Amino acid sequence: MVTAFEYLKSLPYLPVALMRGKKQGMYYGRPSNAEIKRWLYSYSVIINGLTPLPDDEIIFPITELIFFPKGKRKTTLIKKE
């Protein structure tokens, strides 16, 4: 089985996160592992209708993946057969 954190970390597509760097200043990029865990702890990710914590196991197949369900920029990915 795969945990929610491992699953999100393995995805090639994720919402971008605002990052801070010494040389670049503020920029957007792939979220860090800590950021992905914060999303899961704050219930900002819904997988198959459930809001898992980072160590919760994911049941496959994934048919619905929602990022930031209560935000202005809600992102929904649905697999249609």
Protein backbone atom coordinates (compact mmCIF):
# COMPACT_ATOMS: atom_id res chain seq x y z
CA MET A 1 0.00 0.00 0.00
CA VAL A 2 1.00 3.61 -0.59
CA THR A 3 0.56 6.46 1.88
CA ALA A 4 -1.10 9.74 0.87
CA PHE A 5 2.22 11.58 1.20
CA GLU A 6 4.10 9.05 -0.98
CA TYR A 7 1.35 9.17 -3.59
CA LEU A 8 1.31 12.98 -3.87
CA LYS A 9 5.10 13.12 -3.86
CA SER A 10 5.22 10.72 -6.82
CA LEU A 11 2.83 12.72 -8.99
CA PRO A 12 4.38 14.56 -11.95
CA TYR A 13 1.74 17.30 -11.64
CA LEU A 14 1.07 19.27 -8.47
CA PRO A 15 -0.13 22.81 -7.83
CA VAL A 16 2.80 25.21 -7.66
CA ALA A 17 3.92 26.67 -4.35
CA LEU A 18 5.33 30.10 -3.57
CA MET A 19 9.00 29.66 -2.65
CA ARG A 20 11.64 31.93 -1.20
CA GLY A 21 15.27 31.71 -2.22
CA LYS A 22 18.29 33.79 -1.37
CA LYS A 23 19.26 34.49 -4.98
CA GLN A 24 15.89 34.39 -6.74
CA GLY A 25 13.78 36.13 -4.11
CA MET A 26 10.14 34.98 -4.40
CA TYR A 27 9.33 32.45 -7.12
CA TYR A 28 6.91 29.62 -7.88
CA GLY A 29 8.01 26.01 -8.03
CA ARG A 30 7.29 22.41 -7.12
CA PRO A 31 6.16 22.15 -3.49
CA SER A 32 8.60 20.75 -0.94
CA ASN A 33 7.94 17.60 1.06
CA ALA A 34 7.10 19.77 4.08
CA GLU A 35 4.59 21.77 2.02
CA ILE A 36 2.87 18.59 0.79
CA LYS A 37 2.58 17.37 4.40
CA ARG A 38 1.11 20.75 5.45
CA TRP A 39 -1.52 20.40 2.71
CA LEU A 40 -2.48 16.96 4.02
CA TYR A 41 -2.54 18.03 7.69
CA SER A 42 -4.74 21.03 6.84
CA TYR A 43 -7.22 18.87 4.86
CA SER A 44 -6.38 20.69 1.62
CA VAL A 45 -6.35 17.48 -0.44
CA ILE A 46 -9.28 15.15 -1.12
CA ILE A 47 -8.57 11.71 -2.60
CA ASN A 48 -11.56 9.60 -3.62
CA GLY A 49 -13.86 11.67 -1.39
CA LEU A 50 -11.64 11.35 1.71
CA THR A 51 -9.23 13.82 3.35
CA PRO A 52 -6.24 11.64 4.31
CA LEU A 53 -3.41 12.52 6.66
CA PRO A 54 0.17 11.98 5.39
CA ASP A 55 0.51 8.45 6.81
CA ASP A 56 -2.95 7.21 5.80
CA GLU A 57 -3.01 4.50 3.14
CA ILE A 58 -4.57 5.26 -0.24
CA ILE A 59 -7.02 2.88 -1.88
CA PHE A 60 -6.55 2.45 -5.62
CA PRO A 61 -7.81 3.19 -8.22
CA ILE A 62 -7.79 6.95 -7.72
CA THR A 63 -10.84 8.41 -9.45
CA GLU A 64 -10.93 11.86 -7.84
CA LEU A 65 -8.17 14.17 -6.64
CA ILE A 66 -9.00 17.67 -5.38
CA PHE A 67 -6.50 20.29 -4.19
CA PHE A 68 -7.67 23.19 -2.00
CA PRO A 69 -11.42 22.41 -2.01
CA LYS A 70 -12.32 25.54 0.00
CA GLY A 71 -9.98 27.95 -1.81
CA LYS A 72 -10.51 30.37 -4.66
CA ARG A 73 -8.35 28.28 -6.99
CA LYS A 74 -9.84 24.83 -6.41
CA THR A 75 -8.23 22.23 -8.67
CA THR A 76 -10.12 19.00 -9.42
CA LEU A 77 -8.80 16.00 -11.35
CA ILE A 78 -11.35 13.31 -12.19
CA LYS A 79 -10.63 10.10 -14.03
CA LYS A 80 -13.43 9.22 -16.42
CA GLU A 81 -13.63 5.76 -17.89
